[in-house]
Amino acid sequence: MIARLTGAIAIAAEEEFDPDTVTPGVWGFVVTFALMVVVVLLILDMVRRIRRTNYRAEVRERLEVERLEAEVLGDQGVAPDVPSPSPNADDDESGPGAASAR
């Protein structure tokens, strides 16, 4: 077995190597181009998925902040969406009790 292997190596060493005849050819170009297209598409998909993940994380953070603000305002006895009464609320005559006060 070793003798055959050394014989094949000796025959290969005797042959002259011509770099002009060794080319990948058209199929080598097609395969390389297809591989490049697949890699570019994978990179675009990865960037899209990373961007989507980052946006989801930002939205989660905003929702968490809003929830915490609502809890803090709720603990203080103030409703988060109800505006505080103005200081001149007693002078306003257009309120619901204005008609009965006259």
N, C-alpha and C. Protein backbone atom coordinates (compact mmCIF):
# COMPACT_ATOMS: atom_id res chain seq x y z
N MET A 1 0.82 -1.18 0.00
CA MET A 1 0.00 0.00 0.00
C MET A 1 0.87 1.25 0.00
N ILE A 2 1.89 1.24 0.83
CA ILE A 2 2.79 2.38 0.90
C ILE A 2 3.59 2.50 -0.40
N ALA A 3 3.93 1.37 -0.99
CA ALA A 3 4.69 1.38 -2.24
C ALA A 3 3.86 2.02 -3.35
N ARG A 4 2.58 1.73 -3.42
CA ARG A 4 1.72 2.34 -4.44
C ARG A 4 1.61 3.85 -4.22
N LEU A 5 1.49 4.25 -2.97
CA LEU A 5 1.36 5.67 -2.65
C LEU A 5 2.64 6.41 -3.05
N THR A 6 3.78 5.84 -2.72
CA THR A 6 5.04 6.50 -3.09
C THR A 6 5.21 6.51 -4.61
N GLY A 7 4.72 5.48 -5.30
CA GLY A 7 4.79 5.45 -6.76
C GLY A 7 3.92 6.53 -7.38
N ALA A 8 2.73 6.76 -6.82
CA ALA A 8 1.84 7.80 -7.32
C ALA A 8 2.44 9.17 -7.08
N ILE A 9 3.09 9.35 -5.95
CA ILE A 9 3.73 10.63 -5.65
C ILE A 9 4.88 10.87 -6.62
N ALA A 10 5.65 9.82 -6.93
CA ALA A 10 6.78 9.96 -7.85
C ALA A 10 6.28 10.31 -9.25
N ILE A 11 5.20 9.70 -9.70
CA ILE A 11 4.65 10.00 -11.03
C ILE A 11 4.13 11.45 -11.06
N ALA A 12 3.46 11.88 -10.00
CA ALA A 12 2.94 13.24 -9.95
C ALA A 12 4.08 14.26 -9.92
N ALA A 13 5.17 13.93 -9.28
CA ALA A 13 6.30 14.85 -9.21
C ALA A 13 6.99 14.97 -10.55
N GLU A 14 6.96 13.92 -11.38
CA GLU A 14 7.62 13.95 -12.68
C GLU A 14 6.85 14.80 -13.69
N GLU A 15 5.52 14.89 -13.54
CA GLU A 15 4.74 15.67 -14.48
C GLU A 15 5.00 17.16 -14.25
N GLU A 16 5.06 17.89 -15.36
CA GLU A 16 5.31 19.31 -15.26
C GLU A 16 4.00 20.05 -15.00
N PHE A 17 4.04 20.99 -14.10
CA PHE A 17 2.86 21.76 -13.73
C PHE A 17 2.78 23.02 -14.60
N ASP A 18 1.66 23.18 -15.30
CA ASP A 18 1.46 24.36 -16.13
C ASP A 18 0.33 25.19 -15.51
N PRO A 19 0.64 26.33 -14.91
CA PRO A 19 -0.39 27.12 -14.23
C PRO A 19 -1.43 27.70 -15.19
N ASP A 20 -1.14 27.79 -16.47
CA ASP A 20 -2.11 28.33 -17.43
C ASP A 20 -3.25 27.36 -17.71
N THR A 21 -3.01 26.09 -17.55
CA THR A 21 -4.06 25.10 -17.83
C THR A 21 -4.92 24.79 -16.62
N VAL A 22 -4.52 25.26 -15.46
CA VAL A 22 -5.28 25.00 -14.24
C VAL A 22 -6.09 26.25 -13.89
N THR A 23 -7.36 26.24 -14.25
CA THR A 23 -8.27 27.36 -13.95
C THR A 23 -9.57 26.80 -13.42
N PRO A 24 -10.30 27.59 -12.67
CA PRO A 24 -11.58 27.10 -12.16
C PRO A 24 -12.64 26.98 -13.25
N GLY A 25 -12.49 27.71 -14.32
CA GLY A 25 -13.44 27.61 -15.41
C GLY A 25 -14.73 28.37 -15.13
N VAL A 26 -15.69 28.17 -16.02
CA VAL A 26 -16.97 28.86 -15.91
C VAL A 26 -17.74 28.37 -14.69
N TRP A 27 -17.70 27.06 -14.46
CA TRP A 27 -18.44 26.53 -13.31
C TRP A 27 -17.87 27.01 -11.98
N GLY A 28 -16.59 27.20 -11.93
CA GLY A 28 -15.98 27.76 -10.72
C GLY A 28 -16.46 29.18 -10.47
N PHE A 29 -16.57 29.97 -11.55
CA PHE A 29 -17.08 31.33 -11.41
C PHE A 29 -18.54 31.32 -10.97
N VAL A 30 -19.36 30.45 -11.57
CA VAL A 30 -20.78 30.39 -11.24
C VAL A 30 -20.97 30.00 -9.78
N VAL A 31 -20.23 29.02 -9.33
CA VAL A 31 -20.35 28.57 -7.94
C VAL A 31 -19.89 29.67 -6.99
N THR A 32 -18.79 30.34 -7.30
CA THR A 32 -18.30 31.42 -6.45
C THR A 32 -19.29 32.58 -6.41
N PHE A 33 -19.85 32.94 -7.56
CA PHE A 33 -20.83 34.03 -7.62
C PHE A 33 -22.09 33.68 -6.83
N ALA A 34 -22.57 32.44 -6.97
CA ALA A 34 -23.76 32.02 -6.23
C ALA A 34 -23.49 32.04 -4.73
N LEU A 35 -22.32 31.60 -4.33
CA LEU A 35 -21.96 31.63 -2.91
C LEU A 35 -21.93 33.06 -2.39
N MET A 36 -21.40 33.98 -3.19
CA MET A 36 -21.36 35.38 -2.80
C MET A 36 -22.77 35.96 -2.65
N VAL A 37 -23.67 35.63 -3.56
CA VAL A 37 -25.05 36.11 -3.48
C VAL A 37 -25.72 35.58 -2.22
N VAL A 38 -25.52 34.32 -1.91
CA VAL A 38 -26.12 33.73 -0.71
C VAL A 38 -25.59 34.41 0.55
N VAL A 39 -24.30 34.68 0.60
CA VAL A 39 -23.71 35.34 1.76
C VAL A 39 -24.26 36.75 1.92
N VAL A 40 -24.39 37.50 0.83
CA VAL A 40 -24.94 38.86 0.91
C VAL A 40 -26.38 38.82 1.41
N LEU A 41 -27.17 37.88 0.91
CA LEU A 41 -28.56 37.78 1.37
C LEU A 41 -28.63 37.41 2.85
N LEU A 42 -27.76 36.53 3.30
CA LEU A 42 -27.73 36.18 4.72
C LEU A 42 -27.35 37.38 5.59
N ILE A 43 -26.41 38.18 5.12
CA ILE A 43 -26.01 39.37 5.87
C ILE A 43 -27.16 40.36 5.95
N LEU A 44 -27.86 40.58 4.84
CA LEU A 44 -29.01 41.49 4.86
C LEU A 44 -30.10 41.00 5.81
N ASP A 45 -30.36 39.71 5.80
CA ASP A 45 -31.36 39.14 6.70
C ASP A 45 -30.93 39.30 8.16
N MET A 46 -29.65 39.07 8.43
CA MET A 46 -29.16 39.21 9.80
C MET A 46 -29.28 40.65 10.28
N VAL A 47 -28.94 41.61 9.43
CA VAL A 47 -29.05 43.02 9.81
C VAL A 47 -30.50 43.37 10.09
N ARG A 48 -31.43 42.88 9.26
CA ARG A 48 -32.85 43.15 9.47
C ARG A 48 -33.33 42.57 10.80
N ARG A 49 -32.91 41.36 11.10
CA ARG A 49 -33.33 40.73 12.35
C ARG A 49 -32.74 41.43 13.58
N ILE A 50 -31.50 41.86 13.49
CA ILE A 50 -30.88 42.58 14.61
C ILE A 50 -31.59 43.91 14.82
N ARG A 51 -31.89 44.61 13.73
CA ARG A 51 -32.60 45.89 13.85
C ARG A 51 -33.97 45.68 14.48
N ARG A 52 -34.69 44.65 14.07
CA ARG A 52 -36.01 44.35 14.63
C ARG A 52 -35.89 44.03 16.12
N THR A 53 -34.88 43.28 16.50
CA THR A 53 -34.67 42.95 17.91
C THR A 53 -34.38 44.21 18.73
N ASN A 54 -33.57 45.10 18.19
CA ASN A 54 -33.27 46.35 18.89
C ASN A 54 -34.52 47.21 19.05
N TYR A 55 -35.36 47.29 18.02
CA TYR A 55 -36.59 48.06 18.12
C TYR A 55 -37.52 47.47 19.17
N ARG A 56 -37.62 46.16 19.20
CA ARG A 56 -38.47 45.51 20.20
C ARG A 56 -37.97 45.80 21.61
N ALA A 57 -36.66 45.80 21.80
CA ALA A 57 -36.10 46.10 23.11
C ALA A 57 -36.40 47.54 23.52
N GLU A 58 -36.31 48.48 22.56
CA GLU A 58 -36.64 49.87 22.85
C GLU A 58 -38.10 50.02 23.25
N VAL A 59 -38.98 49.34 22.54
CA VAL A 59 -40.41 49.42 22.85
C VAL A 59 -40.68 48.82 24.23
N ARG A 60 -40.04 47.70 24.54
CA ARG A 60 -40.20 47.10 25.87
C ARG A 60 -39.75 48.06 26.97
N GLU A 61 -38.63 48.74 26.75
CA GLU A 61 -38.14 49.70 27.73
C GLU A 61 -39.14 50.84 27.92
N ARG A 62 -39.68 51.37 26.82
CA ARG A 62 -40.66 52.45 26.92
C ARG A 62 -41.91 52.00 27.67
N LEU A 63 -42.38 50.80 27.35
CA LEU A 63 -43.57 50.30 28.04
C LEU A 63 -43.30 50.10 29.53
N GLU A 64 -42.13 49.62 29.86
CA GLU A 64 -41.77 49.41 31.27
C GLU A 64 -41.71 50.75 32.00
N VAL A 65 -41.14 51.76 31.36
CA VAL A 65 -41.06 53.09 31.99
C VAL A 65 -42.47 53.64 32.19
N GLU A 66 -43.33 53.50 31.18
CA GLU A 66 -44.70 53.98 31.32
C GLU A 66 -45.44 53.23 32.43
N ARG A 67 -45.22 51.93 32.52
CA ARG A 67 -45.88 51.15 33.57
C ARG A 67 -45.41 51.59 34.95
N LEU A 68 -44.10 51.80 35.08
CA LEU A 68 -43.56 52.25 36.37
C LEU A 68 -44.08 53.65 36.73
N GLU A 69 -44.17 54.53 35.74
CA GLU A 69 -44.71 55.86 36.00
C GLU A 69 -46.17 55.78 36.44
N ALA A 70 -46.93 54.90 35.79
CA ALA A 70 -48.34 54.73 36.16
C ALA A 70 -48.45 54.18 37.58
N GLU A 71 -47.59 53.26 37.95
CA GLU A 71 -47.61 52.72 39.31
C GLU A 71 -47.26 53.78 40.34
N VAL A 72 -46.24 54.59 40.03
CA VAL A 72 -45.82 55.63 40.96
C VAL A 72 -46.93 56.66 41.12
N LEU A 73 -47.52 57.08 40.00
CA LEU A 73 -48.60 58.05 40.08
C LEU A 73 -49.83 57.46 40.74
N GLY A 74 -50.07 56.18 40.52
CA GLY A 74 -51.19 55.50 41.16
C GLY A 74 -51.00 55.39 42.66
N ASP A 75 -49.77 55.17 43.10
CA ASP A 75 -49.47 55.09 44.54
C ASP A 75 -49.65 56.44 45.21
N GLN A 76 -49.48 57.51 44.48
CA GLN A 76 -49.61 58.84 45.05
C GLN A 76 -51.07 59.31 45.08
N GLY A 77 -51.95 58.54 44.51
CA GLY A 77 -53.36 58.89 44.51
C GLY A 77 -53.77 59.78 43.36
N VAL A 78 -52.91 59.99 42.41
CA VAL A 78 -53.21 60.82 41.26
C VAL A 78 -53.37 59.91 40.06
N ALA A 79 -54.45 60.08 39.34
CA ALA A 79 -54.65 59.29 38.13
C ALA A 79 -53.69 59.80 37.06
N PRO A 80 -53.06 58.92 36.29
CA PRO A 80 -52.05 59.35 35.34
C PRO A 80 -52.59 60.18 34.18
N ASP A 81 -53.84 59.97 33.73
CA ASP A 81 -54.35 60.68 32.58
C ASP A 81 -55.28 61.83 32.96
N VAL A 82 -55.55 62.02 34.22
CA VAL A 82 -56.47 63.07 34.66
C VAL A 82 -55.65 64.32 34.97
N PRO A 83 -55.98 65.46 34.31
CA PRO A 83 -55.23 66.68 34.59
C PRO A 83 -55.58 67.22 35.97
N SER A 84 -54.64 67.86 36.59
CA SER A 84 -54.88 68.42 37.92
C SER A 84 -55.78 69.66 37.76
N PRO A 85 -56.61 69.94 38.75
CA PRO A 85 -57.51 71.10 38.64
C PRO A 85 -56.73 72.40 38.65
N SER A 86 -57.24 73.38 37.92
CA SER A 86 -56.56 74.67 37.85
C SER A 86 -56.82 75.45 39.14
N PRO A 87 -55.96 76.38 39.49
CA PRO A 87 -56.14 77.13 40.74
C PRO A 87 -57.39 78.02 40.71
N ASN A 88 -57.86 78.40 39.57
CA ASN A 88 -59.04 79.27 39.45
C ASN A 88 -60.30 78.47 39.17
N ALA A 89 -60.37 77.24 39.58
CA ALA A 89 -61.52 76.39 39.30
C ALA A 89 -62.77 76.90 40.01
N ASP A 90 -62.63 77.58 41.15
CA ASP A 90 -63.78 78.10 41.88
C ASP A 90 -64.44 79.27 41.16
N ASP A 91 -63.68 80.04 40.37
CA ASP A 91 -64.20 81.20 39.67
C ASP A 91 -64.92 80.83 38.39
N ASP A 92 -64.76 79.59 37.92
CA ASP A 92 -65.35 79.17 36.66
C ASP A 92 -66.85 78.97 36.83
N GLU A 93 -67.66 79.66 36.03
CA GLU A 93 -69.12 79.57 36.16
C GLU A 93 -69.71 78.63 35.13
N SER A 94 -68.89 78.01 34.29
CA SER A 94 -69.45 77.14 33.25
C SER A 94 -69.48 75.68 33.69
N GLY A 95 -69.22 75.35 34.91
CA GLY A 95 -69.19 73.99 35.39
C GLY A 95 -70.58 73.44 35.57
N PRO A 96 -70.71 72.15 35.96
CA PRO A 96 -72.02 71.53 36.10
C PRO A 96 -72.85 72.14 37.20
N GLY A 97 -72.26 72.67 38.21
CA GLY A 97 -73.02 73.26 39.31
C GLY A 97 -73.34 74.72 39.09
N ALA A 98 -72.96 75.29 37.99
CA ALA A 98 -73.18 76.73 37.75
C ALA A 98 -74.65 77.04 37.56
N ALA A 99 -75.39 76.18 36.91
CA ALA A 99 -76.80 76.43 36.65
C ALA A 99 -77.62 76.34 37.94
N SER A 100 -77.26 75.43 38.82
CA SER A 100 -78.01 75.29 40.06
C SER A 100 -77.64 76.33 41.09
N ALA A 101 -76.48 76.98 40.95
CA ALA A 101 -76.05 77.98 41.92
C ALA A 101 -76.78 79.29 41.71
N ARG A 102 -77.35 79.54 40.57
CA ARG A 102 -78.01 80.80 40.30
C ARG A 102 -79.40 80.84 40.76
